[in-house]
N, C-alpha and C. Protein backbone atom coordinates (compact mmCIF):
# COMPACT_ATOMS: atom_id res chain seq x y z
N MET A 1 -12.44 -6.56 40.78
CA MET A 1 -12.42 -7.99 41.11
C MET A 1 -11.06 -8.55 40.74
N GLN A 2 -10.58 -9.49 41.54
CA GLN A 2 -9.26 -10.07 41.33
C GLN A 2 -9.27 -11.15 40.26
N ILE A 3 -8.24 -11.15 39.43
CA ILE A 3 -7.98 -12.21 38.46
C ILE A 3 -6.51 -12.57 38.58
N ALA A 4 -6.11 -13.60 37.87
CA ALA A 4 -4.70 -13.99 37.83
C ALA A 4 -4.21 -13.92 36.39
N LEU A 5 -2.97 -13.52 36.23
CA LEU A 5 -2.31 -13.49 34.93
C LEU A 5 -1.12 -14.43 35.01
N LEU A 6 -1.05 -15.39 34.11
CA LEU A 6 0.09 -16.29 34.06
C LEU A 6 0.89 -15.98 32.82
N LEU A 7 2.19 -15.76 33.02
CA LEU A 7 3.09 -15.40 31.93
C LEU A 7 4.04 -16.56 31.65
N THR A 8 4.34 -16.76 30.38
CA THR A 8 5.38 -17.69 29.99
C THR A 8 5.93 -17.27 28.64
N THR A 9 7.09 -17.79 28.30
CA THR A 9 7.70 -17.51 27.00
C THR A 9 8.08 -18.82 26.32
N VAL A 10 8.07 -18.79 25.00
CA VAL A 10 8.50 -19.93 24.18
C VAL A 10 9.23 -19.39 22.96
N ALA A 11 10.03 -20.25 22.35
CA ALA A 11 10.82 -19.83 21.19
C ALA A 11 10.05 -19.90 19.87
N LYS A 12 9.11 -20.82 19.79
CA LYS A 12 8.41 -21.07 18.52
C LYS A 12 6.94 -20.67 18.61
N LYS A 13 6.46 -20.13 17.50
CA LYS A 13 5.04 -19.75 17.41
C LYS A 13 4.15 -20.98 17.58
N SER A 14 4.57 -22.11 17.03
CA SER A 14 3.77 -23.33 17.14
C SER A 14 3.63 -23.77 18.60
N ASP A 15 4.68 -23.59 19.41
CA ASP A 15 4.60 -23.91 20.83
C ASP A 15 3.65 -22.95 21.55
N ALA A 16 3.69 -21.68 21.18
CA ALA A 16 2.78 -20.70 21.77
C ALA A 16 1.33 -21.09 21.48
N HIS A 17 1.06 -21.49 20.25
CA HIS A 17 -0.30 -21.90 19.88
C HIS A 17 -0.71 -23.17 20.62
N ARG A 18 0.23 -24.09 20.79
CA ARG A 18 -0.08 -25.35 21.49
C ARG A 18 -0.44 -25.08 22.95
N LEU A 19 0.32 -24.22 23.61
CA LEU A 19 0.04 -23.89 25.01
C LEU A 19 -1.31 -23.16 25.14
N ALA A 20 -1.57 -22.22 24.23
CA ALA A 20 -2.84 -21.48 24.27
C ALA A 20 -4.02 -22.41 24.03
N THR A 21 -3.91 -23.27 23.04
CA THR A 21 -4.99 -24.20 22.73
C THR A 21 -5.27 -25.14 23.89
N ALA A 22 -4.23 -25.66 24.51
CA ALA A 22 -4.40 -26.58 25.65
C ALA A 22 -5.09 -25.87 26.81
N ALA A 23 -4.71 -24.64 27.09
CA ALA A 23 -5.32 -23.89 28.19
C ALA A 23 -6.81 -23.68 27.95
N LEU A 24 -7.18 -23.36 26.73
CA LEU A 24 -8.59 -23.15 26.41
C LEU A 24 -9.36 -24.47 26.43
N GLN A 25 -8.77 -25.52 25.89
CA GLN A 25 -9.45 -26.82 25.86
C GLN A 25 -9.69 -27.38 27.26
N HIS A 26 -8.77 -27.10 28.18
CA HIS A 26 -8.90 -27.59 29.55
C HIS A 26 -9.66 -26.60 30.44
N HIS A 27 -10.13 -25.50 29.88
CA HIS A 27 -10.91 -24.49 30.60
C HIS A 27 -10.19 -23.96 31.83
N VAL A 28 -8.87 -23.72 31.68
CA VAL A 28 -8.09 -23.16 32.78
C VAL A 28 -7.66 -21.72 32.50
N ALA A 29 -8.02 -21.20 31.35
CA ALA A 29 -7.79 -19.79 31.01
C ALA A 29 -8.92 -19.32 30.12
N ALA A 30 -9.27 -18.06 30.26
CA ALA A 30 -10.34 -17.47 29.44
C ALA A 30 -9.78 -16.86 28.17
N CYS A 31 -8.56 -16.37 28.24
CA CYS A 31 -7.96 -15.65 27.12
C CYS A 31 -6.45 -15.76 27.24
N ILE A 32 -5.80 -16.03 26.12
CA ILE A 32 -4.34 -16.06 26.08
C ILE A 32 -3.91 -15.15 24.94
N GLN A 33 -3.13 -14.16 25.27
CA GLN A 33 -2.57 -13.28 24.25
C GLN A 33 -1.14 -13.72 23.96
N ILE A 34 -0.78 -13.73 22.68
CA ILE A 34 0.55 -14.12 22.25
C ILE A 34 1.21 -12.91 21.62
N LEU A 35 2.28 -12.46 22.25
CA LEU A 35 3.00 -11.29 21.76
C LEU A 35 4.30 -11.74 21.12
N PRO A 36 4.46 -11.51 19.82
CA PRO A 36 5.68 -11.92 19.12
C PRO A 36 6.78 -10.86 19.25
N GLY A 37 7.97 -11.24 18.84
CA GLY A 37 9.06 -10.27 18.71
C GLY A 37 9.73 -9.89 20.01
N LEU A 38 9.55 -10.67 21.05
CA LEU A 38 10.18 -10.39 22.33
C LEU A 38 11.65 -10.78 22.25
N GLU A 39 12.52 -9.93 22.77
CA GLU A 39 13.94 -10.26 22.85
C GLU A 39 14.29 -10.45 24.31
N SER A 40 14.68 -11.67 24.67
CA SER A 40 15.01 -11.99 26.06
C SER A 40 16.52 -12.04 26.25
N HIS A 41 16.98 -11.44 27.33
CA HIS A 41 18.39 -11.46 27.72
C HIS A 41 18.46 -12.14 29.08
N TYR A 42 19.24 -13.21 29.20
CA TYR A 42 19.30 -13.93 30.46
C TYR A 42 20.58 -14.75 30.56
N ALA A 43 20.89 -15.17 31.78
CA ALA A 43 22.02 -16.06 32.01
C ALA A 43 21.49 -17.48 32.11
N TRP A 44 22.10 -18.39 31.38
CA TRP A 44 21.68 -19.79 31.41
C TRP A 44 22.92 -20.67 31.38
N LYS A 45 23.08 -21.47 32.42
CA LYS A 45 24.22 -22.38 32.55
C LYS A 45 25.54 -21.64 32.40
N GLY A 46 25.62 -20.47 33.04
CA GLY A 46 26.85 -19.70 33.08
C GLY A 46 27.14 -18.86 31.85
N LYS A 47 26.23 -18.81 30.91
CA LYS A 47 26.44 -18.04 29.68
C LYS A 47 25.34 -17.01 29.51
N LYS A 48 25.70 -15.88 28.93
CA LYS A 48 24.69 -14.87 28.59
C LYS A 48 24.01 -15.30 27.29
N VAL A 49 22.70 -15.24 27.31
CA VAL A 49 21.91 -15.67 26.16
C VAL A 49 20.99 -14.53 25.74
N ILE A 50 20.87 -14.35 24.44
CA ILE A 50 19.89 -13.43 23.87
C ILE A 50 19.06 -14.27 22.90
N SER A 51 17.76 -14.28 23.09
CA SER A 51 16.92 -15.09 22.21
C SER A 51 15.62 -14.36 21.86
N ARG A 52 15.07 -14.73 20.73
CA ARG A 52 13.78 -14.22 20.29
C ARG A 52 12.72 -15.17 20.83
N GLU A 53 11.69 -14.61 21.41
CA GLU A 53 10.66 -15.44 22.01
C GLU A 53 9.27 -14.84 21.78
N TYR A 54 8.28 -15.66 22.09
CA TYR A 54 6.88 -15.24 22.12
C TYR A 54 6.48 -15.21 23.58
N LEU A 55 5.79 -14.16 23.99
CA LEU A 55 5.28 -14.04 25.35
C LEU A 55 3.80 -14.40 25.35
N LEU A 56 3.43 -15.31 26.22
CA LEU A 56 2.02 -15.66 26.41
C LEU A 56 1.55 -15.04 27.70
N LEU A 57 0.40 -14.40 27.64
CA LEU A 57 -0.22 -13.76 28.79
C LEU A 57 -1.62 -14.35 28.91
N ALA A 58 -1.80 -15.19 29.93
CA ALA A 58 -3.07 -15.88 30.11
C ALA A 58 -3.87 -15.25 31.24
N LYS A 59 -5.15 -15.03 30.99
CA LYS A 59 -6.06 -14.50 32.01
C LYS A 59 -6.89 -15.64 32.56
N THR A 60 -6.90 -15.74 33.88
CA THR A 60 -7.64 -16.81 34.53
C THR A 60 -8.07 -16.33 35.92
N THR A 61 -8.65 -17.22 36.68
CA THR A 61 -9.02 -16.90 38.06
C THR A 61 -7.89 -17.34 38.99
N GLN A 62 -7.91 -16.83 40.20
CA GLN A 62 -6.92 -17.26 41.20
C GLN A 62 -7.03 -18.77 41.41
N ARG A 63 -8.24 -19.27 41.47
CA ARG A 63 -8.48 -20.70 41.70
C ARG A 63 -7.91 -21.57 40.58
N LYS A 64 -8.06 -21.15 39.34
CA LYS A 64 -7.60 -21.96 38.20
C LYS A 64 -6.13 -21.74 37.85
N SER A 65 -5.49 -20.75 38.45
CA SER A 65 -4.12 -20.43 38.07
C SER A 65 -3.15 -21.59 38.33
N LYS A 66 -3.35 -22.32 39.42
CA LYS A 66 -2.48 -23.47 39.72
C LYS A 66 -2.67 -24.59 38.70
N SER A 67 -3.92 -24.80 38.27
CA SER A 67 -4.18 -25.82 37.26
C SER A 67 -3.55 -25.45 35.93
N LEU A 68 -3.63 -24.17 35.57
CA LEU A 68 -3.00 -23.70 34.34
C LEU A 68 -1.49 -23.86 34.42
N GLU A 69 -0.92 -23.47 35.55
CA GLU A 69 0.53 -23.60 35.72
C GLU A 69 0.96 -25.07 35.60
N LYS A 70 0.22 -25.96 36.22
CA LYS A 70 0.52 -27.39 36.17
C LYS A 70 0.44 -27.92 34.73
N LEU A 71 -0.60 -27.53 34.00
CA LEU A 71 -0.75 -27.94 32.60
C LEU A 71 0.41 -27.45 31.76
N TRP A 72 0.71 -26.15 31.87
CA TRP A 72 1.78 -25.60 31.05
C TRP A 72 3.13 -26.19 31.41
N LYS A 73 3.36 -26.45 32.67
CA LYS A 73 4.63 -27.05 33.09
C LYS A 73 4.79 -28.43 32.45
N LYS A 74 3.70 -29.17 32.37
CA LYS A 74 3.72 -30.53 31.81
C LYS A 74 4.03 -30.52 30.31
N ILE A 75 3.51 -29.54 29.56
CA ILE A 75 3.65 -29.58 28.09
C ILE A 75 4.62 -28.53 27.55
N HIS A 76 5.23 -27.74 28.42
CA HIS A 76 6.12 -26.67 27.99
C HIS A 76 7.40 -27.25 27.38
N PRO A 77 7.90 -26.66 26.29
CA PRO A 77 9.10 -27.20 25.65
C PRO A 77 10.41 -26.89 26.40
N TYR A 78 10.41 -25.95 27.32
CA TYR A 78 11.64 -25.57 28.02
C TYR A 78 11.89 -26.47 29.22
N ASP A 79 13.18 -26.70 29.53
CA ASP A 79 13.57 -27.45 30.72
C ASP A 79 13.17 -26.72 31.99
N CYS A 80 13.29 -25.41 31.97
CA CYS A 80 13.00 -24.57 33.13
C CYS A 80 12.10 -23.42 32.65
N PRO A 81 10.81 -23.70 32.44
CA PRO A 81 9.94 -22.66 31.87
C PRO A 81 9.67 -21.52 32.84
N GLU A 82 9.57 -20.34 32.27
CA GLU A 82 9.12 -19.17 33.02
C GLU A 82 7.62 -19.34 33.22
N LEU A 83 7.21 -19.48 34.46
CA LEU A 83 5.80 -19.55 34.81
C LEU A 83 5.59 -18.60 35.97
N VAL A 84 5.16 -17.39 35.64
CA VAL A 84 5.01 -16.33 36.63
C VAL A 84 3.54 -15.95 36.71
N THR A 85 2.99 -16.05 37.92
CA THR A 85 1.59 -15.69 38.14
C THR A 85 1.52 -14.36 38.87
N LEU A 86 0.72 -13.45 38.33
CA LEU A 86 0.50 -12.15 38.93
C LEU A 86 -0.97 -12.00 39.28
N SER A 87 -1.24 -11.32 40.38
CA SER A 87 -2.62 -10.98 40.71
C SER A 87 -2.92 -9.60 40.13
N ALA A 88 -4.12 -9.45 39.64
CA ALA A 88 -4.49 -8.17 39.03
C ALA A 88 -5.94 -7.86 39.34
N HIS A 89 -6.26 -6.61 39.26
CA HIS A 89 -7.64 -6.16 39.41
C HIS A 89 -8.23 -6.00 38.01
N ALA A 90 -9.43 -6.48 37.82
CA ALA A 90 -10.12 -6.33 36.54
C ALA A 90 -11.50 -5.75 36.79
N ALA A 91 -12.01 -5.03 35.82
CA ALA A 91 -13.37 -4.51 35.89
C ALA A 91 -14.33 -5.69 36.09
N ALA A 92 -15.37 -5.47 36.86
CA ALA A 92 -16.29 -6.54 37.23
C ALA A 92 -16.84 -7.33 36.04
N PRO A 93 -17.31 -6.68 34.96
CA PRO A 93 -17.84 -7.47 33.84
C PRO A 93 -16.79 -8.38 33.21
N TYR A 94 -15.56 -7.88 33.09
CA TYR A 94 -14.49 -8.69 32.51
C TYR A 94 -14.13 -9.85 33.43
N ALA A 95 -14.03 -9.59 34.72
CA ALA A 95 -13.70 -10.63 35.70
C ALA A 95 -14.79 -11.71 35.71
N ARG A 96 -16.05 -11.30 35.59
CA ARG A 96 -17.14 -12.28 35.55
C ARG A 96 -17.04 -13.14 34.29
N TRP A 97 -16.68 -12.54 33.16
CA TRP A 97 -16.50 -13.30 31.92
C TRP A 97 -15.38 -14.32 32.10
N ILE A 98 -14.27 -13.91 32.70
CA ILE A 98 -13.16 -14.85 32.93
C ILE A 98 -13.64 -16.00 33.81
N ARG A 99 -14.32 -15.67 34.90
CA ARG A 99 -14.82 -16.71 35.81
C ARG A 99 -15.75 -17.68 35.10
N SER A 100 -16.66 -17.15 34.29
CA SER A 100 -17.61 -18.03 33.60
C SER A 100 -16.92 -18.86 32.52
N SER A 101 -15.85 -18.35 31.94
CA SER A 101 -15.13 -19.07 30.89
C SER A 101 -14.34 -20.26 31.41
N VAL A 102 -13.91 -20.19 32.66
CA VAL A 102 -13.09 -21.28 33.21
C VAL A 102 -13.88 -22.18 34.17
N SER A 103 -15.17 -21.97 34.26
CA SER A 103 -15.96 -22.76 35.22
C SER A 103 -16.61 -23.99 34.59
N HIS A 104 -16.20 -24.35 33.40
CA HIS A 104 -16.79 -25.54 32.74
C HIS A 104 -16.25 -26.81 33.31
């Protein structure tokens, strides 16, 4: 069964927790994993940047993915947040749990 994964990064653990909490409170994600210790290398405003970040990986449905993206865009601390949605296949019981978690 198809699910959606929304990825984003933040610099602070407190921001990661804020985004995860908001997603759960608004019932737009069933589960958000926060992976610490990410080292990002990117070009920003003409300069090479290396920064330590937290990666958030949110599991949701295709239908709720746009709502989650809109919520995170509104409260994200970055001027240009990484908001990448991927489609994925999940085992039926897990996909049903995700669907039931975001259907409130």
